Amino acid sequence: MSFRSKVLDMFPTPAYMLMPANSLVLSDEAIRFVELKRENDITKLSRYQEIELQEGVIESGKIQNTKKLLDILKKLKEEKGLKFVAVSLPEERGYIYTTTIPNVPREEIRQQIEFTIEENVPLSVDSVVFEFTCIDLGVEKDKKRVVVTVLPKSVVQDYVDIFNKAGLIPIYFEIESSALSRAVIAKDDDRVNLLVNIGKHTTNISIVDEGIVRFTSTSHNGVDDILKGEEGGNIDWLSSEIKRVENYWFSHGDGGNNIENIIICGEGFDREDFSKKIISQIGDNVKIADVWQNIVSFEKHVPDISYKDSLRYGVSLGIAIGELKRKYEYV
């Protein structure tokens, strides 16, 4: 079973293709719903909603209070008339690694990757699902270089089960950092970008090279922790975490390509001077994300959401963009 749910063969394609692009992002802190529509060749934000979750409903990406979460999903389904949804999977429950395999035909790649899983993640090959992307880094002709994303089957199954119980059909699943990169990195930007997605109680930092997520790290410190202390002094912690990830990339990244941009989004940007403090303490190559750049020009459509609020929807919008791409192949 891959991240793209096997339920694709449970319903006719034409019915699915007629549906708008609905995405759901479940985190420890909230559920975020986004719906994008195409009208007259313009992509528009149709609907969105954020539902805060009580502490303990989801913890570190693991569903802990099934009943509470199921009640929320059922209510959301009824209120929004949802059926098909594209869903994010928790970043901190997965693993990403790069490896080299023999240059076999594409239909044999998955088998070759299976041989590498147990030496790269602390899980047995029988207990995981994985996706992969081939990359061209000048490796010998008899070899392929692949980036592999791995998740425990149990995690994926928990999410499949709760959506099915809620009467929702997950079209596919995607890791948060991959979805976020689709939203906040320009389509033609093949440089190395470092993404920082700040939540209330977590911060995810990922490295994206030529549009492919190559490394990800999740810390259990969020905006409230960052702003603790005198004058938000714990932004120093965020700066240190970014530096740690940068150092890892310099020592482990293929080719040693420099990180050219640091792109930040998430929580906290509705707080006075938060973004200014980040930029002043982290560096000149830091910029606040533009989550709409790959969706629509404001000359054609102005989304009915504030800029600051939209920074919390980067993952949701990235998933919805991917869904539209599969339908219309316009991105």
Protein backbone atom coordinates (compact mmCIF):
# COMPACT_ATOMS: atom_id res chain seq x y z
CA MET A 1 0.00 0.00 0.00
CA SER A 2 1.41 3.38 -0.97
CA PHE A 3 0.66 6.80 0.47
CA ARG A 4 -1.84 7.29 -2.35
CA SER A 5 -4.75 5.40 -0.92
CA LYS A 6 -5.75 2.15 -2.56
CA VAL A 7 -9.33 3.42 -2.41
CA LEU A 8 -8.74 4.90 -5.87
CA ASP A 9 -10.15 1.67 -7.31
CA MET A 10 -13.27 1.87 -5.15
CA PHE A 11 -15.06 4.58 -7.12
CA PRO A 12 -15.33 5.64 -10.77
CA THR A 13 -12.82 8.23 -11.94
CA PRO A 14 -15.37 10.53 -13.64
CA ALA A 15 -17.22 11.16 -10.34
CA TYR A 16 -14.00 11.95 -8.57
CA MET A 17 -12.81 14.29 -11.30
CA LEU A 18 -15.93 16.40 -10.95
CA MET A 19 -15.23 17.12 -7.29
CA PRO A 20 -13.34 20.24 -6.12
CA ALA A 21 -9.90 19.88 -4.57
CA ASN A 22 -10.50 19.35 -0.86
CA SER A 23 -7.54 18.96 1.47
CA LEU A 24 -7.39 18.13 5.16
CA VAL A 25 -4.36 18.61 7.36
CA LEU A 26 -4.46 17.03 10.80
CA SER A 27 -1.88 18.10 13.36
CA ASP A 28 -1.58 17.86 17.12
CA GLU A 29 -3.09 21.32 17.33
CA ALA A 30 -5.76 21.67 14.64
CA ILE A 31 -7.56 20.40 11.57
CA ARG A 32 -7.29 22.70 8.58
CA PHE A 33 -9.63 22.33 5.63
CA VAL A 34 -9.11 23.98 2.25
CA GLU A 35 -11.11 23.80 -0.96
CA LEU A 36 -9.75 25.15 -4.25
CA LYS A 37 -11.82 25.40 -7.42
CA ARG A 38 -11.06 26.15 -11.05
CA GLU A 39 -13.42 28.66 -12.64
CA ASN A 40 -12.80 30.19 -16.08
CA ASP A 41 -9.17 29.03 -15.93
CA ILE A 42 -8.64 30.80 -12.61
CA THR A 43 -7.90 28.96 -9.38
CA LYS A 44 -9.89 30.31 -6.46
CA LEU A 45 -10.02 29.69 -2.74
CA SER A 46 -13.54 28.40 -2.36
CA ARG A 47 -13.73 27.51 1.32
CA TYR A 48 -11.47 27.03 4.31
CA GLN A 49 -11.78 26.30 8.01
CA GLU A 50 -9.58 25.76 11.02
CA ILE A 51 -10.74 23.61 13.93
CA GLU A 52 -8.57 23.66 17.04
CA LEU A 53 -8.02 20.31 18.72
CA GLN A 54 -7.95 19.76 22.44
CA GLU A 55 -4.68 18.54 23.89
CA GLY A 56 -4.41 14.77 23.68
CA VAL A 57 -6.58 14.15 20.60
CA ILE A 58 -3.48 13.74 18.43
CA GLU A 59 -0.04 13.53 20.02
CA SER A 60 3.17 13.57 17.99
CA GLY A 61 1.14 12.67 14.92
CA LYS A 62 -0.48 9.62 16.56
CA ILE A 63 -4.26 9.52 16.99
CA GLN A 64 -4.95 9.11 20.72
CA ASN A 65 -8.64 10.04 21.13
CA THR A 66 -10.36 8.29 18.24
CA LYS A 67 -13.89 9.11 19.37
CA LYS A 68 -13.26 12.84 19.72
CA LEU A 69 -11.49 13.09 16.37
CA LEU A 70 -14.15 10.99 14.65
CA ASP A 71 -16.91 13.26 15.95
CA ILE A 72 -15.10 16.32 14.59
CA LEU A 73 -14.52 14.73 11.18
CA LYS A 74 -18.14 13.59 10.88
CA LYS A 75 -19.36 17.09 11.71
CA LEU A 76 -16.96 18.65 9.21
CA LYS A 77 -18.11 16.18 6.54
CA GLU A 78 -21.75 17.06 7.08
CA GLU A 79 -21.21 20.83 7.28
CA LYS A 80 -19.05 20.98 4.16
CA GLY A 81 -20.67 18.14 2.20
CA LEU A 82 -17.34 16.37 1.85
CA LYS A 83 -16.69 12.97 0.31
CA PHE A 84 -13.25 12.81 -1.31
CA VAL A 85 -10.30 14.36 0.51
CA ALA A 86 -6.54 14.60 0.06
CA VAL A 87 -4.78 14.28 3.40
CA SER A 88 -1.43 15.05 4.99
CA LEU A 89 0.43 12.52 7.07
CA PRO A 90 2.40 13.53 10.20
CA GLU A 91 5.96 14.56 9.45
CA GLU A 92 7.42 13.35 12.71
CA ARG A 93 6.18 9.80 12.18
CA GLY A 94 8.11 9.36 8.94
CA TYR A 95 11.67 9.02 7.68
CA ILE A 96 13.41 10.42 4.61
CA TYR A 97 16.71 9.15 3.27
CA THR A 98 18.72 9.12 0.05
CA THR A 99 20.31 5.97 -1.28
CA THR A 100 21.83 4.40 -4.38
CA ILE A 101 20.38 1.31 -6.04
CA PRO A 102 21.21 -0.66 -9.20
CA ASN A 103 19.98 0.94 -12.42
CA VAL A 104 17.04 -1.42 -12.88
CA PRO A 105 13.81 -0.87 -14.87
CA ARG A 106 11.24 1.28 -13.06
CA GLU A 107 9.00 -1.67 -12.24
CA GLU A 108 11.87 -3.20 -10.23
CA ILE A 109 12.85 -0.08 -8.28
CA ARG A 110 10.51 -0.71 -5.36
CA GLN A 111 12.01 -4.16 -4.79
CA GLN A 112 15.52 -2.72 -4.81
CA ILE A 113 14.52 -0.01 -2.32
CA GLU A 114 13.09 -2.63 0.02
CA PHE A 115 16.61 -4.00 0.41
CA THR A 116 17.77 -0.60 1.76
CA ILE A 117 14.99 0.21 4.23
CA GLU A 118 16.13 -1.65 7.33
CA GLU A 119 19.64 -0.21 7.09
CA ASN A 120 18.24 3.35 7.00
CA VAL A 121 15.21 3.35 9.33
CA PRO A 122 14.51 1.54 12.61
CA LEU A 123 11.61 -0.45 11.15
CA SER A 124 11.21 -3.75 9.35
CA VAL A 125 10.41 -3.64 5.66
CA ASP A 126 7.17 -5.57 6.28
CA SER A 127 5.92 -2.90 8.69
CA VAL A 128 6.22 0.15 6.42
CA VAL A 129 4.88 1.83 3.32
CA PHE A 130 7.12 4.02 1.21
CA GLU A 131 7.28 6.38 -1.75
CA PHE A 132 10.36 7.32 -3.76
CA THR A 133 11.68 9.90 -6.21
CA CYS A 134 14.57 9.30 -8.58
CA ILE A 135 17.18 12.07 -8.75
CA ASP A 136 19.92 12.67 -11.28
CA LEU A 137 23.17 13.58 -9.60
CA GLY A 138 25.67 12.21 -12.09
CA VAL A 139 25.77 8.78 -10.50
CA GLU A 140 27.36 5.99 -12.53
CA LYS A 141 25.25 4.68 -15.40
CA ASP A 142 24.73 1.35 -13.67
CA LYS A 143 23.20 3.01 -10.60
CA LYS A 144 20.18 5.12 -9.64
CA ARG A 145 19.94 7.69 -6.86
CA VAL A 146 16.59 7.75 -5.03
CA VAL A 147 15.02 9.75 -2.22
CA VAL A 148 12.81 7.49 -0.11
CA THR A 149 10.01 8.52 2.27
CA VAL A 150 8.96 5.85 4.75
CA LEU A 151 6.02 5.62 7.16
CA PRO A 152 4.86 2.83 9.48
CA LYS A 153 1.89 0.93 8.07
CA SER A 154 0.16 1.28 11.43
CA VAL A 155 0.20 5.09 11.17
CA VAL A 156 -1.22 5.09 7.65
CA GLN A 157 -3.83 2.50 8.59
CA ASP A 158 -4.98 4.53 11.62
CA TYR A 159 -5.65 7.51 9.35
CA VAL A 160 -7.33 5.39 6.67
CA ASP A 161 -9.58 3.81 9.30
CA ILE A 162 -10.73 7.02 10.92
CA PHE A 163 -11.51 8.69 7.60
CA ASN A 164 -13.47 5.66 6.44
CA LYS A 165 -15.43 5.62 9.71
CA ALA A 166 -16.22 9.31 9.18
CA GLY A 167 -17.59 8.55 5.71
CA LEU A 168 -14.69 10.25 3.94
CA ILE A 169 -12.68 8.73 1.11
CA PRO A 170 -8.99 9.70 1.16
CA ILE A 171 -7.80 10.05 -2.43
CA TYR A 172 -4.16 10.12 -1.42
CA PHE A 173 -1.85 10.92 1.47
CA GLU A 174 1.22 13.14 1.44
CA ILE A 175 3.95 14.04 3.91
CA GLU A 176 3.56 17.61 5.21
CA SER A 177 6.92 18.94 4.02
CA SER A 178 6.32 17.77 0.43
CA ALA A 179 2.98 19.54 0.34
CA LEU A 180 4.39 22.70 1.90
CA SER A 181 7.22 22.90 -0.63
CA ARG A 182 4.68 22.80 -3.48
CA ALA A 183 2.99 25.87 -2.06
CA VAL A 184 5.87 28.08 -0.92
CA ILE A 185 8.62 27.37 -3.46
CA ALA A 186 8.16 28.89 -6.91
CA LYS A 187 7.58 26.32 -9.65
CA ASP A 188 10.79 27.18 -11.51
CA ASP A 189 13.00 27.40 -8.40
CA ASP A 190 15.46 24.49 -8.43
CA ARG A 191 17.75 25.94 -5.77
CA VAL A 192 18.27 24.51 -2.29
CA ASN A 193 15.64 25.97 0.04
CA LEU A 194 15.24 25.50 3.77
CA LEU A 195 11.60 25.54 4.92
CA VAL A 196 10.52 26.36 8.46
CA ASN A 197 6.92 25.57 9.38
CA ILE A 198 6.11 26.82 12.88
CA GLY A 199 3.18 25.41 14.82
CA LYS A 200 1.88 26.20 18.26
CA HIS A 201 3.94 23.46 19.87
CA THR A 202 6.09 22.04 17.06
CA THR A 203 8.47 23.33 14.41
CA ASN A 204 9.35 21.41 11.28
CA ILE A 205 12.48 22.26 9.31
CA SER A 206 13.08 20.66 5.92
CA ILE A 207 15.58 20.89 3.08
CA VAL A 208 14.22 20.98 -0.47
CA ASP A 209 16.63 20.53 -3.39
CA GLU A 210 15.31 20.87 -6.95
CA GLY A 211 11.78 20.57 -5.64
CA ILE A 212 12.43 17.34 -3.73
CA VAL A 213 12.36 17.14 0.07
CA ARG A 214 15.72 15.66 1.05
CA PHE A 215 15.75 16.06 4.82
CA THR A 216 13.28 16.89 7.56
CA SER A 217 13.49 17.49 11.30
CA THR A 218 10.69 18.09 13.82
CA SER A 219 11.18 19.74 17.23
CA HIS A 220 8.61 20.00 20.01
CA ASN A 221 8.95 23.74 20.34
CA GLY A 222 6.44 26.08 18.73
CA VAL A 223 5.59 29.74 18.56
CA ASP A 224 4.75 30.00 22.26
CA ASP A 225 8.13 28.51 23.19
CA ILE A 226 9.96 30.69 20.68
CA LEU A 227 8.46 33.86 22.11
CA LYS A 228 9.13 33.00 25.74
CA GLY A 229 11.69 34.97 27.67
CA GLU A 230 12.71 38.56 27.42
CA GLU A 231 11.92 40.13 24.06
CA GLY A 232 11.24 36.76 22.47
CA GLY A 233 14.74 35.61 23.26
CA ASN A 234 14.05 32.00 22.32
CA ILE A 235 14.18 32.94 18.68
CA ASP A 236 17.84 32.15 19.36
CA TRP A 237 16.70 28.53 19.75
CA LEU A 238 15.09 28.63 16.30
CA SER A 239 18.23 30.15 14.84
CA SER A 240 20.30 27.34 16.40
CA GLU A 241 17.97 24.67 15.00
CA ILE A 242 18.22 26.16 11.53
CA LYS A 243 22.00 26.24 11.82
CA ARG A 244 22.03 22.60 12.94
CA VAL A 245 20.02 21.52 9.89
CA GLU A 246 22.23 23.65 7.62
CA ASN A 247 25.34 21.97 9.04
CA TYR A 248 23.81 18.55 8.48
CA TRP A 249 23.08 19.42 4.86
CA PHE A 250 26.59 20.74 4.25
CA SER A 251 28.08 17.51 5.57
CA HIS A 252 25.56 15.04 4.09
CA GLY A 253 23.90 16.78 1.13
CA ASP A 254 24.85 15.63 -2.35
CA GLY A 255 27.28 17.99 -3.98
CA GLY A 256 27.30 20.37 -1.03
CA ASN A 257 24.97 22.84 -2.74
CA ASN A 258 24.48 25.95 -0.64
CA ILE A 259 21.15 26.77 0.96
CA GLU A 260 20.08 29.94 -0.81
CA ASN A 261 16.76 30.72 0.86
CA ILE A 262 15.11 30.19 4.21
CA ILE A 263 11.33 30.33 3.87
CA ILE A 264 9.20 30.58 7.00
CA CYS A 265 5.46 30.17 7.54
CA GLY A 266 3.01 28.87 10.13
CA GLU A 267 1.83 30.27 13.44
CA GLY A 268 2.75 33.51 15.16
CA PHE A 269 2.67 35.99 12.31
CA ASP A 270 -0.42 37.64 13.78
CA ARG A 271 1.74 38.64 16.77
CA GLU A 272 3.36 42.02 16.73
CA ASP A 273 6.96 42.11 15.47
CA PHE A 274 7.26 38.30 15.29
CA SER A 275 8.39 38.19 11.67
CA LYS A 276 10.73 41.15 12.19
CA LYS A 277 12.42 39.40 15.10
CA ILE A 278 12.89 36.23 13.06
CA ILE A 279 14.39 38.05 10.09
CA SER A 280 16.66 40.20 12.25
CA GLN A 281 18.07 37.25 14.22
CA ILE A 282 18.28 34.55 11.53
CA GLY A 283 19.64 36.44 8.53
CA ASP A 284 19.06 38.37 5.35
CA ASN A 285 18.26 35.25 3.31
CA VAL A 286 15.09 34.68 5.36
CA LYS A 287 11.74 35.49 3.82
CA ILE A 288 8.15 35.00 4.85
CA ALA A 289 6.35 32.53 2.61
CA ASP A 290 4.04 33.45 -0.24
CA VAL A 291 1.57 30.56 -0.12
CA TRP A 292 -0.37 31.84 -3.16
CA GLN A 293 2.43 32.21 -5.71
CA ASN A 294 1.73 28.84 -7.35
CA ILE A 295 -2.05 29.20 -7.14
CA VAL A 296 -3.24 32.54 -8.44
CA SER A 297 -2.22 36.11 -9.19
CA PHE A 298 -3.95 38.64 -6.96
CA GLU A 299 -4.75 40.58 -10.13
CA LYS A 300 -7.14 37.76 -11.02
CA HIS A 301 -8.44 36.67 -7.62
CA VAL A 302 -7.97 37.90 -4.07
CA PRO A 303 -8.53 35.03 -1.60
CA ASP A 304 -11.01 35.70 1.19
CA ILE A 305 -8.46 35.15 3.95
CA SER A 306 -5.95 37.48 5.53
CA TYR A 307 -2.30 37.15 4.55
CA LYS A 308 -1.25 36.36 8.14
CA ASP A 309 -3.91 33.68 8.54
CA SER A 310 -2.99 32.12 5.20
CA LEU A 311 0.51 31.36 6.51
CA ARG A 312 -1.02 28.62 8.68
CA TYR A 313 -2.49 26.95 5.58
CA GLY A 314 0.71 26.30 3.63
CA VAL A 315 0.48 22.50 3.90
CA SER A 316 -3.27 22.48 3.16
CA LEU A 317 -2.81 24.64 0.07
CA GLY A 318 0.11 22.55 -1.13
CA ILE A 319 -2.01 19.40 -0.99
CA ALA A 320 -4.88 21.14 -2.80
CA ILE A 321 -2.48 22.37 -5.51
CA GLY A 322 -1.31 18.79 -6.02
CA GLU A 323 -4.89 17.65 -6.30
CA LEU A 324 -5.67 20.25 -8.95
CA LYS A 325 -2.53 19.30 -10.83
CA ARG A 326 -3.69 15.70 -11.01
CA LYS A 327 -7.07 16.84 -12.31
CA TYR A 328 -6.19 19.61 -14.69
CA GLU A 329 -2.42 19.31 -15.15
CA TYR A 330 -2.18 23.08 -15.18
CA VAL A 331 0.46 23.58 -12.46
